[in-house]
Amino acid sequence: MESGKDGEVAAAATVPAESKRTRSNGRGKGIVGDAPPPPATHVVSTKAAPLPNAAGWKKGVAILDFILRLGAIGAALGAAGIMGNNEQILPFFTQFLQFHAQWDDFIIFQFFVAANAAVGGFLILSLPFSIVCIVRPFAIGPRLLLVIFDIVMMALVMATASSAAAIVYLAHNGSEDANWMAICQQFTDFCQGTSLAVVSSFAAAVFLICLIVVSSLALKRS
């Protein structure tokens, strides 16, 4: 029995000895014991995360953009409505003549009404895009689209307001060189309506200029 126990002890002693033997790893180098675990890899993102302060600032700019659009809508549609309802009939007339002034007697005023109504319609359609910019302050696509169309609408409003202002100036003062008489001494209400419409259209142009500046600031990277 002692010889059997000596054999078991010798077998147990050879097990840890074999575990500590040098094993070949296929390249002629020995590895003692178990191989160490591979080092942990850390993925570092190079994309900068938006700062909370920048997000708040851009959201405030987007809210200001929405408010300016409401003001521009009121000014443009107000100009079109005032001019489109502007007419005056003098209380005196003859058997063959009736002194009547109406906005559609002038081609410039027709263009004025159509252009301001188109700008007001565009601004109404742009409100959903402005709301998207409020919800997603860092969205570049909607903001860039608004800037492009705002520039076009601003140029249209400035052109129609300037041309209408020239006609209103001639109606108030006339032109001695062209032998044009001033009619505002007789058609006072008509001239006041046209003047108010032109001022409202210029106000819409100012709102659009502010919108372009605000949208450009919103496109600026933080």
C-alpha atoms as a PDB file:
ATOM      1  CA  MET A   1       0.000   0.000   0.000  1.00  0.00           C
ATOM      2  CA  GLU A   2       2.874   2.358   0.677  1.00  0.00           C
ATOM      3  CA  SER A   3       4.154   1.836  -2.867  1.00  0.00           C
ATOM      4  CA  GLY A   4       0.669   2.801  -4.224  1.00  0.00           C
ATOM      5  CA  LYS A   5       0.592   6.009  -2.173  1.00  0.00           C
ATOM      6  CA  ASP A   6       4.095   6.909  -3.327  1.00  0.00           C
ATOM      7  CA  GLY A   7       2.916   6.530  -6.961  1.00  0.00           C
ATOM      8  CA  GLU A   8      -0.084   8.837  -6.407  1.00  0.00           C
ATOM      9  CA  VAL A   9       2.122  11.487  -4.778  1.00  0.00           C
ATOM     10  CA  ALA A  10       4.572  11.321  -7.675  1.00  0.00           C
ATOM     11  CA  ALA A  11       1.737  11.678 -10.219  1.00  0.00           C
ATOM     12  CA  ALA A  12       0.291  14.698  -8.378  1.00  0.00           C
ATOM     13  CA  ALA A  13       3.720  16.305  -8.287  1.00  0.00           C
ATOM     14  CA  THR A  14       4.141  15.986 -12.059  1.00  0.00           C
ATOM     15  CA  VAL A  15       0.861  17.889 -12.824  1.00  0.00           C
ATOM     16  CA  PRO A  16       1.965  21.386 -11.686  1.00  0.00           C
ATOM     17  CA  ALA A  17       5.391  20.733 -13.166  1.00  0.00           C
ATOM     18  CA  GLU A  18       3.836  20.136 -16.583  1.00  0.00           C
ATOM     19  CA  SER A  19       1.689  23.277 -16.291  1.00  0.00           C
ATOM     20  CA  LYS A  20       4.844  25.304 -15.758  1.00  0.00           C
ATOM     21  CA  ARG A  21       6.693  23.866 -18.699  1.00  0.00           C
ATOM     22  CA  THR A  22       7.601  26.070 -21.519  1.00  0.00           C
ATOM     23  CA  ARG A  23       5.246  25.752 -24.523  1.00  0.00           C
ATOM     24  CA  SER A  24       6.027  26.858 -28.015  1.00  0.00           C
ATOM     25  CA  ASN A  25       3.774  29.527 -29.514  1.00  0.00           C
ATOM     26  CA  GLY A  26       4.648  28.688 -33.114  1.00  0.00           C
ATOM     27  CA  ARG A  27       7.418  31.326 -33.410  1.00  0.00           C
ATOM     28  CA  GLY A  28      10.088  29.634 -31.316  1.00  0.00           C
ATOM     29  CA  LYS A  29       9.383  31.710 -28.202  1.00  0.00           C
ATOM     30  CA  GLY A  30       8.256  30.212 -24.956  1.00  0.00           C
ATOM     31  CA  ILE A  31       5.241  31.295 -22.915  1.00  0.00           C
ATOM     32  CA  VAL A  32       5.267  30.455 -19.253  1.00  0.00           C
ATOM     33  CA  GLY A  33       1.820  29.751 -17.843  1.00  0.00           C
ATOM     34  CA  ASP A  34      -1.349  31.262 -19.364  1.00  0.00           C
ATOM     35  CA  ALA A  35      -1.133  34.128 -21.919  1.00  0.00           C
ATOM     36  CA  PRO A  36      -2.034  37.604 -20.567  1.00  0.00           C
ATOM     37  CA  PRO A  37      -5.368  39.075 -21.787  1.00  0.00           C
ATOM     38  CA  PRO A  38      -5.197  41.579 -24.687  1.00  0.00           C
ATOM     39  CA  PRO A  39      -5.135  45.245 -23.674  1.00  0.00           C
ATOM     40  CA  ALA A  40      -8.513  46.998 -23.660  1.00  0.00           C
ATOM     41  CA  THR A  41      -9.128  49.306 -26.625  1.00  0.00           C
ATOM     42  CA  HIS A  42     -10.662  52.734 -26.080  1.00  0.00           C
ATOM     43  CA  VAL A  43     -12.505  54.416 -28.984  1.00  0.00           C
ATOM     44  CA  VAL A  44     -12.131  58.185 -28.890  1.00  0.00           C
ATOM     45  CA  SER A  45     -14.606  60.193 -31.017  1.00  0.00           C
ATOM     46  CA  THR A  46     -13.148  63.178 -32.817  1.00  0.00           C
ATOM     47  CA  LYS A  47     -16.579  64.709 -33.442  1.00  0.00           C
ATOM     48  CA  ALA A  48     -17.200  67.623 -31.091  1.00  0.00           C
ATOM     49  CA  ALA A  49     -20.424  67.381 -29.178  1.00  0.00           C
ATOM     50  CA  PRO A  50     -22.600  70.513 -29.193  1.00  0.00           C
ATOM     51  CA  LEU A  51     -22.277  72.594 -26.077  1.00  0.00           C
ATOM     52  CA  PRO A  52     -25.424  73.351 -24.076  1.00  0.00           C
ATOM     53  CA  ASN A  53     -24.725  77.089 -24.199  1.00  0.00           C
ATOM     54  CA  ALA A  54     -24.382  77.021 -27.991  1.00  0.00           C
ATOM     55  CA  ALA A  55     -27.635  75.082 -28.326  1.00  0.00           C
ATOM     56  CA  GLY A  56     -29.461  77.599 -26.150  1.00  0.00           C
ATOM     57  CA  TRP A  57     -28.060  80.523 -28.121  1.00  0.00           C
ATOM     58  CA  LYS A  58     -29.040  79.020 -31.458  1.00  0.00           C
ATOM     59  CA  LYS A  59     -32.511  78.205 -30.177  1.00  0.00           C
ATOM     60  CA  GLY A  60     -32.957  81.809 -29.074  1.00  0.00           C
ATOM     61  CA  VAL A  61     -31.909  82.997 -32.533  1.00  0.00           C
ATOM     62  CA  ALA A  62     -34.410  80.590 -34.110  1.00  0.00           C
ATOM     63  CA  ILE A  63     -37.210  81.972 -31.911  1.00  0.00           C
ATOM     64  CA  LEU A  64     -36.260  85.520 -32.928  1.00  0.00           C
ATOM     65  CA  ASP A  65     -36.369  84.382 -36.571  1.00  0.00           C
ATOM     66  CA  PHE A  66     -39.930  83.116 -36.077  1.00  0.00           C
ATOM     67  CA  ILE A  67     -41.049  86.413 -34.518  1.00  0.00           C
ATOM     68  CA  LEU A  68     -39.473  88.449 -37.337  1.00  0.00           C
ATOM     69  CA  ARG A  69     -41.279  86.291 -39.887  1.00  0.00           C
ATOM     70  CA  LEU A  70     -44.602  87.073 -38.246  1.00  0.00           C
ATOM     71  CA  GLY A  71     -43.792  90.790 -38.447  1.00  0.00           C
ATOM     72  CA  ALA A  72     -42.786  90.500 -42.105  1.00  0.00           C
ATOM     73  CA  ILE A  73     -46.010  88.624 -42.888  1.00  0.00           C
ATOM     74  CA  GLY A  74     -48.099  91.374 -41.336  1.00  0.00           C
ATOM     75  CA  ALA A  75     -46.191  94.140 -43.149  1.00  0.00           C
ATOM     76  CA  ALA A  76     -46.253  92.481 -46.589  1.00  0.00           C
ATOM     77  CA  LEU A  77     -49.890  91.409 -46.492  1.00  0.00           C
ATOM     78  CA  GLY A  78     -50.837  94.758 -44.965  1.00  0.00           C
ATOM     79  CA  ALA A  79     -49.162  96.598 -47.845  1.00  0.00           C
ATOM     80  CA  ALA A  80     -50.939  94.419 -50.415  1.00  0.00           C
ATOM     81  CA  GLY A  81     -54.302  94.821 -48.656  1.00  0.00           C
ATOM     82  CA  ILE A  82     -54.060  98.607 -48.269  1.00  0.00           C
ATOM     83  CA  MET A  83     -53.036  99.138 -51.884  1.00  0.00           C
ATOM     84  CA  GLY A  84     -55.549  96.615 -53.213  1.00  0.00           C
ATOM     85  CA  ASN A  85     -58.466  98.435 -51.557  1.00  0.00           C
ATOM     86  CA  ASN A  86     -57.285 101.947 -52.365  1.00  0.00           C
ATOM     87  CA  GLU A  87     -59.537 104.097 -54.519  1.00  0.00           C
ATOM     88  CA  GLN A  88     -61.222 107.465 -54.379  1.00  0.00           C
ATOM     89  CA  ILE A  89     -64.062 109.118 -56.288  1.00  0.00           C
ATOM     90  CA  LEU A  90     -64.277 112.886 -56.116  1.00  0.00           C
ATOM     91  CA  PRO A  91     -67.672 114.260 -55.082  1.00  0.00           C
ATOM     92  CA  PHE A  92     -67.965 116.463 -58.173  1.00  0.00           C
ATOM     93  CA  PHE A  93     -68.250 115.302 -61.775  1.00  0.00           C
ATOM     94  CA  THR A  94     -69.496 116.516 -65.120  1.00  0.00           C
ATOM     95  CA  GLN A  95     -71.806 115.032 -67.667  1.00  0.00           C
ATOM     96  CA  PHE A  96     -68.926 113.351 -69.454  1.00  0.00           C
ATOM     97  CA  LEU A  97     -66.225 112.991 -66.798  1.00  0.00           C
ATOM     98  CA  GLN A  98     -66.004 111.351 -63.405  1.00  0.00           C
ATOM     99  CA  PHE A  99     -62.889 111.892 -61.330  1.00  0.00           C
ATOM    100  CA  HIS A 100     -61.966 108.445 -60.083  1.00  0.00           C
ATOM    101  CA  ALA A 101     -58.565 107.143 -58.967  1.00  0.00           C
ATOM    102  CA  GLN A 102     -58.002 103.436 -58.345  1.00  0.00           C
ATOM    103  CA  TRP A 103     -54.905 101.352 -57.718  1.00  0.00           C
ATOM    104  CA  ASP A 104     -55.292  99.116 -60.774  1.00  0.00           C
ATOM    105  CA  ASP A 105     -55.118 102.175 -63.040  1.00  0.00           C
ATOM    106  CA  PHE A 106     -51.337 102.015 -62.521  1.00  0.00           C
ATOM    107  CA  ILE A 107     -49.308  99.011 -63.685  1.00  0.00           C
ATOM    108  CA  ILE A 108     -46.718  99.668 -60.987  1.00  0.00           C
ATOM    109  CA  PHE A 109     -49.372  99.389 -58.289  1.00  0.00           C
ATOM    110  CA  GLN A 110     -50.622  96.115 -59.800  1.00  0.00           C
ATOM    111  CA  PHE A 111     -47.092  94.740 -59.603  1.00  0.00           C
ATOM    112  CA  PHE A 112     -46.865  96.110 -56.053  1.00  0.00           C
ATOM    113  CA  VAL A 113     -49.951  94.213 -54.885  1.00  0.00           C
ATOM    114  CA  ALA A 114     -48.937  90.967 -56.597  1.00  0.00           C
ATOM    115  CA  ALA A 115     -45.349  91.062 -55.294  1.00  0.00           C
ATOM    116  CA  ASN A 116     -46.268  91.823 -51.678  1.00  0.00           C
ATOM    117  CA  ALA A 117     -48.972  89.147 -51.696  1.00  0.00           C
ATOM    118  CA  ALA A 118     -46.455  86.619 -53.064  1.00  0.00           C
ATOM    119  CA  VAL A 119     -43.904  87.544 -50.400  1.00  0.00           C
ATOM    120  CA  GLY A 120     -46.534  87.226 -47.672  1.00  0.00           C
ATOM    121  CA  GLY A 121     -47.532  83.795 -48.991  1.00  0.00           C
ATOM    122  CA  PHE A 122     -43.904  82.640 -49.035  1.00  0.00           C
ATOM    123  CA  LEU A 123     -43.375  83.823 -45.465  1.00  0.00           C
ATOM    124  CA  ILE A 124     -46.439  81.897 -44.318  1.00  0.00           C
ATOM    125  CA  LEU A 125     -45.114  78.740 -45.999  1.00  0.00           C
ATOM    126  CA  SER A 126     -41.709  79.282 -44.369  1.00  0.00           C
ATOM    127  CA  LEU A 127     -43.115  79.176 -40.819  1.00  0.00           C
ATOM    128  CA  PRO A 128     -42.914  75.338 -40.549  1.00  0.00           C
ATOM    129  CA  PHE A 129     -39.224  75.467 -41.523  1.00  0.00           C
ATOM    130  CA  SER A 130     -38.666  78.113 -38.873  1.00  0.00           C
ATOM    131  CA  ILE A 131     -40.323  75.861 -36.285  1.00  0.00           C
ATOM    132  CA  VAL A 132     -38.019  73.007 -37.347  1.00  0.00           C
ATOM    133  CA  CYS A 133     -35.044  75.295 -36.694  1.00  0.00           C
ATOM    134  CA  ILE A 134     -36.399  75.969 -33.189  1.00  0.00           C
ATOM    135  CA  VAL A 135     -36.783  72.263 -32.438  1.00  0.00           C
ATOM    136  CA  ARG A 136     -33.406  71.387 -34.011  1.00  0.00           C
ATOM    137  CA  PRO A 137     -31.136  74.423 -33.523  1.00  0.00           C
ATOM    138  CA  PHE A 138     -28.146  72.774 -35.218  1.00  0.00           C
ATOM    139  CA  ALA A 139     -30.020  71.827 -38.422  1.00  0.00           C
ATOM    140  CA  ILE A 140     -28.215  73.480 -41.339  1.00  0.00           C
ATOM    141  CA  GLY A 141     -30.389  72.431 -44.304  1.00  0.00           C
ATOM    142  CA  PRO A 142     -33.631  74.267 -43.395  1.00  0.00           C
ATOM    143  CA  ARG A 143     -31.738  77.352 -42.273  1.00  0.00           C
ATOM    144  CA  LEU A 144     -29.719  77.551 -45.495  1.00  0.00           C
ATOM    145  CA  LEU A 145     -32.894  77.140 -47.564  1.00  0.00           C
ATOM    146  CA  LEU A 146     -34.557  79.976 -45.655  1.00  0.00           C
ATOM    147  CA  VAL A 147     -31.577  82.280 -46.184  1.00  0.00           C
ATOM    148  CA  ILE A 148     -31.621  81.745 -49.957  1.00  0.00           C
ATOM    149  CA  PHE A 149     -35.347  82.409 -50.340  1.00  0.00           C
ATOM    150  CA  ASP A 150     -35.277  85.327 -47.890  1.00  0.00           C
ATOM    151  CA  ILE A 151     -32.672  87.059 -50.064  1.00  0.00           C
ATOM    152  CA  VAL A 152     -34.844  86.584 -53.169  1.00  0.00           C
ATOM    153  CA  MET A 153     -37.968  87.862 -51.401  1.00  0.00           C
ATOM    154  CA  MET A 154     -36.102  90.842 -49.966  1.00  0.00           C
ATOM    155  CA  ALA A 155     -34.907  91.846 -53.447  1.00  0.00           C
ATOM    156  CA  LEU A 156     -38.464  91.527 -54.791  1.00  0.00           C
ATOM    157  CA  VAL A 157     -39.961  93.666 -52.020  1.00  0.00           C
ATOM    158  CA  MET A 158     -37.281  96.336 -52.358  1.00  0.00           C
ATOM    159  CA  ALA A 159     -37.847  96.525 -56.113  1.00  0.00           C
ATOM    160  CA  THR A 160     -41.622  96.851 -55.909  1.00  0.00           C
ATOM    161  CA  ALA A 161     -41.550  99.278 -52.968  1.00  0.00           C
ATOM    162  CA  SER A 162     -39.000 101.513 -54.690  1.00  0.00           C
ATOM    163  CA  SER A 163     -40.963 101.625 -57.952  1.00  0.00           C
ATOM    164  CA  ALA A 164     -44.210 102.380 -56.117  1.00  0.00           C
ATOM    165  CA  ALA A 165     -42.462 105.081 -54.079  1.00  0.00           C
ATOM    166  CA  ALA A 166     -41.418 106.810 -57.325  1.00  0.00           C
ATOM    167  CA  ILE A 167     -45.044 106.921 -58.520  1.00  0.00           C
ATOM    168  CA  VAL A 168     -46.225 108.214 -55.142  1.00  0.00           C
ATOM    169  CA  TYR A 169     -43.568 110.943 -55.265  1.00  0.00           C
ATOM    170  CA  LEU A 170     -44.798 112.070 -58.688  1.00  0.00           C
ATOM    171  CA  ALA A 171     -48.390 112.008 -57.446  1.00  0.00           C
ATOM    172  CA  HIS A 172     -47.446 114.295 -54.552  1.00  0.00           C
ATOM    173  CA  ASN A 173     -45.077 116.673 -56.343  1.00  0.00           C
ATOM    174  CA  GLY A 174     -45.536 116.195 -60.076  1.00  0.00           C
ATOM    175  CA  SER A 175     -42.818 116.973 -62.598  1.00  0.00           C
ATOM    176  CA  GLU A 176     -42.435 120.317 -64.318  1.00  0.00           C
ATOM    177  CA  ASP A 177     -39.978 118.938 -66.866  1.00  0.00           C
ATOM    178  CA  ALA A 178     -42.392 116.187 -67.938  1.00  0.00           C
ATOM    179  CA  ASN A 179     -45.407 118.489 -67.507  1.00  0.00           C
ATOM    180  CA  TRP A 180     -46.991 116.084 -65.018  1.00  0.00           C
ATOM    181  CA  MET A 181     -49.388 117.623 -62.543  1.00  0.00           C
ATOM    182  CA  ALA A 182     -49.568 116.622 -58.893  1.00  0.00           C
ATOM    183  CA  ILE A 183     -52.886 114.895 -58.226  1.00  0.00           C
ATOM    184  CA  CYS A 184     -52.649 114.539 -54.458  1.00  0.00           C
ATOM    185  CA  GLN A 185     -54.163 117.973 -53.918  1.00  0.00           C
ATOM    186  CA  GLN A 186     -57.436 116.542 -55.225  1.00  0.00           C
ATOM    187  CA  PHE A 187     -57.109 112.824 -54.410  1.00  0.00           C
ATOM    188  CA  THR A 188     -55.881 113.211 -50.849  1.00  0.00           C
ATOM    189  CA  ASP A 189     -57.298 109.944 -49.491  1.00  0.00           C
ATOM    190  CA  PHE A 190     -55.922 107.956 -52.428  1.00  0.00           C
ATOM    191  CA  CYS A 191     -52.446 109.394 -51.950  1.00  0.00           C
ATOM    192  CA  GLN A 192     -52.506 108.728 -48.223  1.00  0.00           C
ATOM    193  CA  GLY A 193     -53.435 105.102 -48.874  1.00  0.00           C
ATOM    194  CA  THR A 194     -50.647 104.620 -51.411  1.00  0.00           C
ATOM    195  CA  SER A 195     -48.105 106.263 -49.105  1.00  0.00           C
ATOM    196  CA  LEU A 196     -49.123 104.030 -46.191  1.00  0.00           C
ATOM    197  CA  ALA A 197     -48.879 100.918 -48.393  1.00  0.00           C
ATOM    198  CA  VAL A 198     -45.374 101.889 -49.572  1.00  0.00           C
ATOM    199  CA  VAL A 199     -44.217 102.472 -45.982  1.00  0.00           C
ATOM    200  CA  SER A 200     -45.612  99.071 -44.966  1.00  0.00           C
ATOM    201  CA  SER A 201     -43.789  97.413 -47.869  1.00  0.00           C
ATOM    202  CA  PHE A 202     -40.493  99.019 -46.852  1.00  0.00           C
ATOM    203  CA  ALA A 203     -41.129  97.754 -43.314  1.00  0.00           C
ATOM    204  CA  ALA A 204     -41.474  94.237 -44.742  1.00  0.00           C
ATOM    205  CA  ALA A 205     -38.131  94.724 -46.512  1.00  0.00           C
ATOM    206  CA  VAL A 206     -36.513  95.742 -43.204  1.00  0.00           C
ATOM    207  CA  PHE A 207     -37.922  92.634 -41.522  1.00  0.00           C
ATOM    208  CA  LEU A 208     -36.496  90.481 -44.317  1.00  0.00           C
ATOM    209  CA  ILE A 209     -33.069  92.113 -43.977  1.00  0.00           C
ATOM    210  CA  CYS A 210     -33.119  91.325 -40.260  1.00  0.00           C
ATOM    211  CA  LEU A 211     -34.133  87.743 -41.087  1.00  0.00           C
ATOM    212  CA  ILE A 212     -31.166  87.358 -43.418  1.00  0.00           C
ATOM    213  CA  VAL A 213     -28.778  88.650 -40.747  1.00  0.00           C
ATOM    214  CA  VAL A 214     -30.282  86.400 -38.056  1.00  0.00           C
ATOM    215  CA  SER A 215     -30.189  83.331 -40.302  1.00  0.00           C
ATOM    216  CA  SER A 216     -26.568  84.036 -41.206  1.00  0.00           C
ATOM    217  CA  LEU A 217     -25.685  84.205 -37.513  1.00  0.00           C
ATOM    218  CA  ALA A 218     -27.526  80.939 -36.901  1.00  0.00           C
ATOM    219  CA  LEU A 219     -25.468  79.247 -39.635  1.00  0.00           C
ATOM    220  CA  LYS A 220     -22.254  80.278 -37.913  1.00  0.00           C
ATOM    221  CA  ARG A 221     -20.547  77.292 -36.268  1.00  0.00           C
ATOM    222  CA  SER A 222     -20.086  77.382 -32.511  1.00  0.00           C
END
